[in-house]
C-alpha atoms as a PDB file:
ATOM      1  CA  UNK A   1     180.318  22.211 109.415  1.00  0.00           C
ATOM      2  CA  UNK A   2     178.971  20.246 112.397  1.00  0.00           C
ATOM      3  CA  UNK A   3     178.952  16.514 111.637  1.00  0.00           C
ATOM      4  CA  UNK A   4     175.411  16.097 112.927  1.00  0.00           C
ATOM      5  CA  UNK A   5     174.155  18.970 110.761  1.00  0.00           C
ATOM      6  CA  UNK A   6     175.986  17.574 107.746  1.00  0.00           C
ATOM      7  CA  UNK A   7     174.438  14.173 108.371  1.00  0.00           C
ATOM      8  CA  UNK A   8     170.946  15.695 108.555  1.00  0.00           C
ATOM      9  CA  UNK A   9     171.472  17.573 105.286  1.00  0.00           C
ATOM     10  CA  UNK A  10     172.678  14.456 103.497  1.00  0.00           C
ATOM     11  CA  UNK A  11     169.674  12.546 104.840  1.00  0.00           C
ATOM     12  CA  UNK A  12     167.328  15.319 103.668  1.00  0.00           C
ATOM     13  CA  UNK A  13     168.856  15.340 100.172  1.00  0.00           C
ATOM     14  CA  UNK A  14     168.621  11.556  99.891  1.00  0.00           C
ATOM     15  CA  UNK A  15     165.000  11.652 101.045  1.00  0.00           C
ATOM     16  CA  UNK A  16     164.171  14.331  98.481  1.00  0.00           C
ATOM     17  CA  UNK A  17     165.808  12.282  95.734  1.00  0.00           C
ATOM     18  CA  UNK A  18     163.756   9.247  96.798  1.00  0.00           C
ATOM     19  CA  UNK A  19     160.535  11.291  96.820  1.00  0.00           C
ATOM     20  CA  UNK A  20     161.281  12.682  93.364  1.00  0.00           C
ATOM     21  CA  UNK A  21     162.100   9.219  92.022  1.00  0.00           C
ATOM     22  CA  UNK A  22     158.848   7.793  93.414  1.00  0.00           C
ATOM     23  CA  UNK A  23     156.761  10.677  92.028  1.00  0.00           C
ATOM     24  CA  UNK A  24     158.336  10.439  88.577  1.00  0.00           C
ATOM     25  CA  UNK A  25     158.028   6.647  88.480  1.00  0.00           C
ATOM     26  CA  UNK A  26     154.385   6.602  89.533  1.00  0.00           C
ATOM     27  CA  UNK A  27     153.615   9.516  87.225  1.00  0.00           C
ATOM     28  CA  UNK A  28     155.051   7.558  84.312  1.00  0.00           C
ATOM     29  CA  UNK A  29     153.285   4.293  85.086  1.00  0.00           C
ATOM     30  CA  UNK A  30     149.969   5.714  86.363  1.00  0.00           C
ATOM     31  CA  UNK A  31     149.435   9.334  85.298  1.00  0.00           C
ATOM     32  CA  UNK A  32     150.607   8.893  81.714  1.00  0.00           C
ATOM     33  CA  UNK A  33     148.342   5.875  80.987  1.00  0.00           C
ATOM     34  CA  UNK A  34     145.464   7.608  82.782  1.00  0.00           C
ATOM     35  CA  UNK A  35     145.824  10.709  80.618  1.00  0.00           C
ATOM     36  CA  UNK A  36     145.963   8.576  77.487  1.00  0.00           C
ATOM     37  CA  UNK A  37     142.831   6.665  78.511  1.00  0.00           C
ATOM     38  CA  UNK A  38     141.062   9.893  79.469  1.00  0.00           C
ATOM     39  CA  UNK A  39     141.230  10.915  75.812  1.00  0.00           C
ATOM     40  CA  UNK A  40     139.129   7.840  75.000  1.00  0.00           C
ATOM     41  CA  UNK A  41     136.157   8.088  77.397  1.00  0.00           C
ATOM     42  CA  UNK A  42     134.616   4.713  76.543  1.00  0.00           C
ATOM     43  CA  UNK A  43     137.883   2.859  77.071  1.00  0.00           C
ATOM     44  CA  UNK A  44     138.460   4.767  80.287  1.00  0.00           C
ATOM     45  CA  UNK A  45     134.975   3.970  81.592  1.00  0.00           C
ATOM     46  CA  UNK A  46     135.339   0.285  80.722  1.00  0.00           C
ATOM     47  CA  UNK A  47     138.688   0.126  82.511  1.00  0.00           C
ATOM     48  CA  UNK A  48     137.372   1.869  85.619  1.00  0.00           C
ATOM     49  CA  UNK A  49     134.312  -0.351  85.896  1.00  0.00           C
ATOM     50  CA  UNK A  50     136.169  -3.558  85.104  1.00  0.00           C
ATOM     51  CA  UNK A  51     139.045  -3.188  87.562  1.00  0.00           C
ATOM     52  CA  UNK A  52     137.515  -1.957  90.816  1.00  0.00           C
ATOM     53  CA  UNK A  53     138.690  -1.207  93.456  1.00  0.00           C
ATOM     54  CA  UNK A  54     142.225  -1.101  92.058  1.00  0.00           C
ATOM     55  CA  UNK A  55     141.191   1.254  89.251  1.00  0.00           C
ATOM     56  CA  UNK A  56     139.725   3.733  91.750  1.00  0.00           C
ATOM     57  CA  UNK A  57     142.930   3.679  93.800  1.00  0.00           C
ATOM     58  CA  UNK A  58     144.965   4.190  90.645  1.00  0.00           C
ATOM     59  CA  UNK A  59     142.753   7.085  89.622  1.00  0.00           C
ATOM     60  CA  UNK A  60     143.092   8.699  93.064  1.00  0.00           C
ATOM     61  CA  UNK A  61     146.864   8.220  92.891  1.00  0.00           C
ATOM     62  CA  UNK A  62     146.913   9.984  89.532  1.00  0.00           C
ATOM     63  CA  UNK A  63     144.894  12.915  90.931  1.00  0.00           C
ATOM     64  CA  UNK A  64     147.203  13.039  93.967  1.00  0.00           C
ATOM     65  CA  UNK A  65     150.306  13.143  91.779  1.00  0.00           C
ATOM     66  CA  UNK A  66     148.733  15.703  89.448  1.00  0.00           C
ATOM     67  CA  UNK A  67     148.706  18.131  92.368  1.00  0.00           C
ATOM     68  CA  UNK A  68     152.249  17.271  93.471  1.00  0.00           C
ATOM     69  CA  UNK A  69     153.790  17.425  89.996  1.00  0.00           C
ATOM     70  CA  UNK A  70     151.962  20.725  89.277  1.00  0.00           C
ATOM     71  CA  UNK A  71     152.613  20.597  85.505  1.00  0.00           C
ATOM     72  CA  UNK A  72     150.152  17.734  84.918  1.00  0.00           C
ATOM     73  CA  UNK A  73     146.711  19.132  83.961  1.00  0.00           C
ATOM     74  CA  UNK A  74     143.880  18.206  86.306  1.00  0.00           C
ATOM     75  CA  UNK A  75     140.954  18.974  83.978  1.00  0.00           C
ATOM     76  CA  UNK A  76     141.067  15.714  81.978  1.00  0.00           C
ATOM     77  CA  UNK A  77     140.996  13.660  85.178  1.00  0.00           C
ATOM     78  CA  UNK A  78     137.977  15.555  86.495  1.00  0.00           C
ATOM     79  CA  UNK A  79     136.030  15.202  83.241  1.00  0.00           C
ATOM     80  CA  UNK A  80     136.928  11.507  83.086  1.00  0.00           C
ATOM     81  CA  UNK A  81     135.776  11.078  86.700  1.00  0.00           C
ATOM     82  CA  UNK A  82     132.328  12.399  85.799  1.00  0.00           C
ATOM     83  CA  UNK A  83     132.148  10.113  82.787  1.00  0.00           C
ATOM     84  CA  UNK A  84     133.178   7.039  84.775  1.00  0.00           C
ATOM     85  CA  UNK A  85     131.894   7.557  88.330  1.00  0.00           C
ATOM     86  CA  UNK A  86     128.999   9.981  87.996  1.00  0.00           C
ATOM     87  CA  UNK A  87     128.627  13.403  89.564  1.00  0.00           C
ATOM     88  CA  UNK A  88     128.629  12.535  93.284  1.00  0.00           C
ATOM     89  CA  UNK A  89     131.395   9.943  93.400  1.00  0.00           C
ATOM     90  CA  UNK A  90     133.425  11.596  90.664  1.00  0.00           C
ATOM     91  CA  UNK A  91     133.485  14.890  92.560  1.00  0.00           C
ATOM     92  CA  UNK A  92     134.310  13.283  95.912  1.00  0.00           C
ATOM     93  CA  UNK A  93     137.048  11.047  94.499  1.00  0.00           C
ATOM     94  CA  UNK A  94     138.783  13.963  92.781  1.00  0.00           C
ATOM     95  CA  UNK A  95     138.378  16.387  95.680  1.00  0.00           C
ATOM     96  CA  UNK A  96     139.614  13.933  98.327  1.00  0.00           C
ATOM     97  CA  UNK A  97     142.617  12.839  96.241  1.00  0.00           C
ATOM     98  CA  UNK A  98     143.582  16.398  95.321  1.00  0.00           C
ATOM     99  CA  UNK A  99     143.218  17.523  98.918  1.00  0.00           C
ATOM    100  CA  UNK A 100     145.536  14.707  99.970  1.00  0.00           C
ATOM    101  CA  UNK A 101     148.031  15.868  97.344  1.00  0.00           C
ATOM    102  CA  UNK A 102     147.778  19.443  98.612  1.00  0.00           C
ATOM    103  CA  UNK A 103     148.362  18.343 102.207  1.00  0.00           C
ATOM    104  CA  UNK A 104     151.374  16.279 101.131  1.00  0.00           C
ATOM    105  CA  UNK A 105     152.898  19.299  99.358  1.00  0.00           C
ATOM    106  CA  UNK A 106     152.159  21.512 102.371  1.00  0.00           C
ATOM    107  CA  UNK A 107     153.938  19.142 104.760  1.00  0.00           C
ATOM    108  CA  UNK A 108     156.909  18.563 102.455  1.00  0.00           C
ATOM    109  CA  UNK A 109     157.416  22.299 101.923  1.00  0.00           C
ATOM    110  CA  UNK A 110     157.202  22.849 105.682  1.00  0.00           C
ATOM    111  CA  UNK A 111     159.851  20.172 106.193  1.00  0.00           C
ATOM    112  CA  UNK A 112     162.237  20.812 103.283  1.00  0.00           C
ATOM    113  CA  UNK A 113     161.391  24.315 102.029  1.00  0.00           C
ATOM    114  CA  UNK A 114     162.633  25.354  98.593  1.00  0.00           C
ATOM    115  CA  UNK A 115     164.690  22.176  98.227  1.00  0.00           C
ATOM    116  CA  UNK A 116     161.436  20.281  97.791  1.00  0.00           C
ATOM    117  CA  UNK A 117     159.356  22.978  96.089  1.00  0.00           C
ATOM    118  CA  UNK A 118     161.877  23.642  93.328  1.00  0.00           C
ATOM    119  CA  UNK A 119     161.743  20.007  92.286  1.00  0.00           C
ATOM    120  CA  UNK A 120     158.332  20.746  90.788  1.00  0.00           C
ATOM    121  CA  UNK A 121     157.854  24.500  90.474  1.00  0.00           C
ATOM    122  CA  UNK A 122     160.146  27.466  89.982  1.00  0.00           C
ATOM    123  CA  UNK A 123     161.057  29.858  92.770  1.00  0.00           C
ATOM    124  CA  UNK A 124     159.816  32.745  90.610  1.00  0.00           C
ATOM    125  CA  UNK A 125     156.331  31.246  90.382  1.00  0.00           C
ATOM    126  CA  UNK A 126     156.192  30.705  94.127  1.00  0.00           C
ATOM    127  CA  UNK A 127     157.306  34.287  94.753  1.00  0.00           C
ATOM    128  CA  UNK A 128     154.590  35.552  92.398  1.00  0.00           C
ATOM    129  CA  UNK A 129     152.074  34.794  95.163  1.00  0.00           C
ATOM    130  CA  UNK A 130     154.139  36.485  97.891  1.00  0.00           C
ATOM    131  CA  UNK A 131     151.737  39.441  97.997  1.00  0.00           C
ATOM    132  CA  UNK A 132     149.341  37.151  99.886  1.00  0.00           C
ATOM    133  CA  UNK A 133     151.864  36.723 102.685  1.00  0.00           C
ATOM    134  CA  UNK A 134     151.799  40.448 103.381  1.00  0.00           C
ATOM    135  CA  UNK A 135     148.005  40.597 103.652  1.00  0.00           C
ATOM    136  CA  UNK A 136     146.219  40.386 106.995  1.00  0.00           C
ATOM    137  CA  UNK A 137     143.437  38.665 105.048  1.00  0.00           C
ATOM    138  CA  UNK A 138     145.745  35.988 103.620  1.00  0.00           C
ATOM    139  CA  UNK A 139     143.591  32.979 104.549  1.00  0.00           C
ATOM    140  CA  UNK A 140     140.413  34.564 103.203  1.00  0.00           C
ATOM    141  CA  UNK A 141     142.103  35.667  99.977  1.00  0.00           C
ATOM    142  CA  UNK A 142     143.649  32.231  99.457  1.00  0.00           C
ATOM    143  CA  UNK A 143     140.234  30.648  99.958  1.00  0.00           C
ATOM    144  CA  UNK A 144     138.590  33.051  97.499  1.00  0.00           C
ATOM    145  CA  UNK A 145     141.282  32.431  94.883  1.00  0.00           C
ATOM    146  CA  UNK A 146     140.757  28.694  95.284  1.00  0.00           C
ATOM    147  CA  UNK A 147     137.017  29.144  94.787  1.00  0.00           C
ATOM    148  CA  UNK A 148     137.527  31.090  91.562  1.00  0.00           C
ATOM    149  CA  UNK A 149     138.231  28.930  88.484  1.00  0.00           C
ATOM    150  CA  UNK A 150     141.218  29.965  86.399  1.00  0.00           C
ATOM    151  CA  UNK A 151     143.522  30.972  89.254  1.00  0.00           C
ATOM    152  CA  UNK A 152     146.953  29.281  89.608  1.00  0.00           C
ATOM    153  CA  UNK A 153     146.105  26.798  92.346  1.00  0.00           C
ATOM    154  CA  UNK A 154     149.347  24.897  91.781  1.00  0.00           C
ATOM    155  CA  UNK A 155     151.288  28.017  92.808  1.00  0.00           C
ATOM    156  CA  UNK A 156     149.157  28.528  95.921  1.00  0.00           C
ATOM    157  CA  UNK A 157     149.594  24.870  96.840  1.00  0.00           C
ATOM    158  CA  UNK A 158     153.353  25.313  97.041  1.00  0.00           C
ATOM    159  CA  UNK A 159     153.266  28.862  98.399  1.00  0.00           C
ATOM    160  CA  UNK A 160     151.202  28.276 101.548  1.00  0.00           C
ATOM    161  CA  UNK A 161     153.801  25.923 102.999  1.00  0.00           C
ATOM    162  CA  UNK A 162     156.084  28.943 103.399  1.00  0.00           C
ATOM    163  CA  UNK A 163     153.504  30.792 105.509  1.00  0.00           C
ATOM    164  CA  UNK A 164     152.341  30.180 109.072  1.00  0.00           C
ATOM    165  CA  UNK A 165     148.916  28.985 107.908  1.00  0.00           C
ATOM    166  CA  UNK A 166     147.600  26.170 110.100  1.00  0.00           C
ATOM    167  CA  UNK A 167     147.134  22.730 108.547  1.00  0.00           C
ATOM    168  CA  UNK A 168     143.381  22.470 109.398  1.00  0.00           C
ATOM    169  CA  UNK A 169     142.778  25.798 107.650  1.00  0.00           C
ATOM    170  CA  UNK A 170     144.706  24.595 104.597  1.00  0.00           C
ATOM    171  CA  UNK A 171     142.696  21.358 104.474  1.00  0.00           C
ATOM    172  CA  UNK A 172     139.468  23.385 104.586  1.00  0.00           C
ATOM    173  CA  UNK A 173     140.651  25.810 101.892  1.00  0.00           C
ATOM    174  CA  UNK A 174     141.823  23.164  99.461  1.00  0.00           C
ATOM    175  CA  UNK A 175     138.873  20.792  99.933  1.00  0.00           C
ATOM    176  CA  UNK A 176     136.076  23.374  99.877  1.00  0.00           C
ATOM    177  CA  UNK A 177     137.853  25.790  97.546  1.00  0.00           C
ATOM    178  CA  UNK A 178     138.531  23.202  94.841  1.00  0.00           C
ATOM    179  CA  UNK A 179     134.978  21.865  94.983  1.00  0.00           C
ATOM    180  CA  UNK A 180     133.209  24.260  92.539  1.00  0.00           C
ATOM    181  CA  UNK A 181     135.742  23.841  89.708  1.00  0.00           C
ATOM    182  CA  UNK A 182     135.918  20.072  90.213  1.00  0.00           C
ATOM    183  CA  UNK A 183     132.137  19.845  90.323  1.00  0.00           C
ATOM    184  CA  UNK A 184     131.692  21.702  87.041  1.00  0.00           C
ATOM    185  CA  UNK A 185     134.276  19.546  85.263  1.00  0.00           C
ATOM    186  CA  UNK A 186     132.735  16.358  86.653  1.00  0.00           C
ATOM    187  CA  UNK A 187     129.247  17.482  85.571  1.00  0.00           C
ATOM    188  CA  UNK A 188     130.553  18.027  82.041  1.00  0.00           C
ATOM    189  CA  UNK A 189     132.027  14.521  82.010  1.00  0.00           C
ATOM    190  CA  UNK A 190     128.814  12.996  83.312  1.00  0.00           C
ATOM    191  CA  UNK A 191     126.796  14.904  80.705  1.00  0.00           C
ATOM    192  CA  UNK A 192     129.054  13.561  77.952  1.00  0.00           C
ATOM    193  CA  UNK A 193     128.670  10.018  79.277  1.00  0.00           C
ATOM    194  CA  UNK A 194     124.897  10.341  79.385  1.00  0.00           C
ATOM    195  CA  UNK A 195     124.897  11.868  75.894  1.00  0.00           C
ATOM    196  CA  UNK A 196     123.413  15.104  77.223  1.00  0.00           C
ATOM    197  CA  UNK A 197     125.365  17.140  74.735  1.00  0.00           C
ATOM    198  CA  UNK A 198     123.517  20.422  75.237  1.00  0.00           C
ATOM    199  CA  UNK A 199     124.250  20.294  78.966  1.00  0.00           C
ATOM    200  CA  UNK A 200     127.865  19.402  78.192  1.00  0.00           C
ATOM    201  CA  UNK A 201     128.244  22.438  75.918  1.00  0.00           C
ATOM    202  CA  UNK A 202     126.601  24.754  78.462  1.00  0.00           C
ATOM    203  CA  UNK A 203     128.786  23.541  81.330  1.00  0.00           C
ATOM    204  CA  UNK A 204     131.964  23.748  79.252  1.00  0.00           C
ATOM    205  CA  UNK A 205     131.029  27.283  78.240  1.00  0.00           C
ATOM    206  CA  UNK A 206     130.546  28.198  81.907  1.00  0.00           C
ATOM    207  CA  UNK A 207     133.934  26.657  82.764  1.00  0.00           C
ATOM    208  CA  UNK A 208     135.731  28.539  79.993  1.00  0.00           C
ATOM    209  CA  UNK A 209     134.085  31.886  80.785  1.00  0.00           C
ATOM    210  CA  UNK A 210     134.550  31.654  84.568  1.00  0.00           C
ATOM    211  CA  UNK A 211     138.144  30.451  84.160  1.00  0.00           C
ATOM    212  CA  UNK A 212     138.873  33.375  81.846  1.00  0.00           C
ATOM    213  CA  UNK A 213     137.305  35.876  84.226  1.00  0.00           C
ATOM    214  CA  UNK A 214     139.103  34.272  87.173  1.00  0.00           C
ATOM    215  CA  UNK A 215     142.459  34.472  85.427  1.00  0.00           C
ATOM    216  CA  UNK A 216     141.970  38.122  84.523  1.00  0.00           C
ATOM    217  CA  UNK A 217     140.801  38.989  88.037  1.00  0.00           C
ATOM    218  CA  UNK A 218     143.759  37.255  89.669  1.00  0.00           C
ATOM    219  CA  UNK A 219     146.250  38.821  87.257  1.00  0.00           C
ATOM    220  CA  UNK A 220     144.843  42.298  87.899  1.00  0.00           C
ATOM    221  CA  UNK A 221     144.802  41.788  91.681  1.00  0.00           C
ATOM    222  CA  UNK A 222     148.351  40.435  91.706  1.00  0.00           C
ATOM    223  CA  UNK A 223     149.662  43.275  89.544  1.00  0.00           C
ATOM    224  CA  UNK A 224     147.960  45.894  91.720  1.00  0.00           C
ATOM    225  CA  UNK A 225     149.344  44.502  94.976  1.00  0.00           C
ATOM    226  CA  UNK A 226     152.873  43.858  93.745  1.00  0.00           C
ATOM    227  CA  UNK A 227     153.333  47.172  91.969  1.00  0.00           C
ATOM    228  CA  UNK A 228     156.170  49.180  93.400  1.00  0.00           C
ATOM    229  CA  UNK A 229     157.606  46.319  95.443  1.00  0.00           C
END
């Protein structure tokens, strides 16, 4: 093996190990406490309001890492954002942070490929979205699947880095596409904080129904377009 190539591979592996170590460390010290606080809305709200702007940066870091780590659920963060920041700021904070996480994943996958992706998600899950790569309407379909609640956005986030999709298009898809689901979750959190319990129940019902329909639609579409391959 060429010495220069070997050196580059060693450097890439070391960089990946450093990235993984940083993600795991920050997840442990930021995401874990955030998830625990999110289960106690009043404590979470008091912490957010009493430690600005550091608390906002911490919250955005947690949302960022939730996208990167893939297995961390995003719903509790979005509901907590509505409870603590209100509808407008809660939605923007979550959407901006999650878009940044999506862009980070996109760039890392472009640079390191499966070596990076498989740190957080299995190859099989990534390949489950491969039917999109064969479609001449890939960008439109990806955008529509991001708009629909209940679809596996974590899989798409890692998959698109293996396509020739342009970065500006990906930024548009992830920011605009995530908006409806984030907005609904944030509205539910704000309704809970304002003690508008009827609104909270209605919004949660909408989230559950649309997520269920979205999941079934995606599963049926995926099965139809991967059959026989």
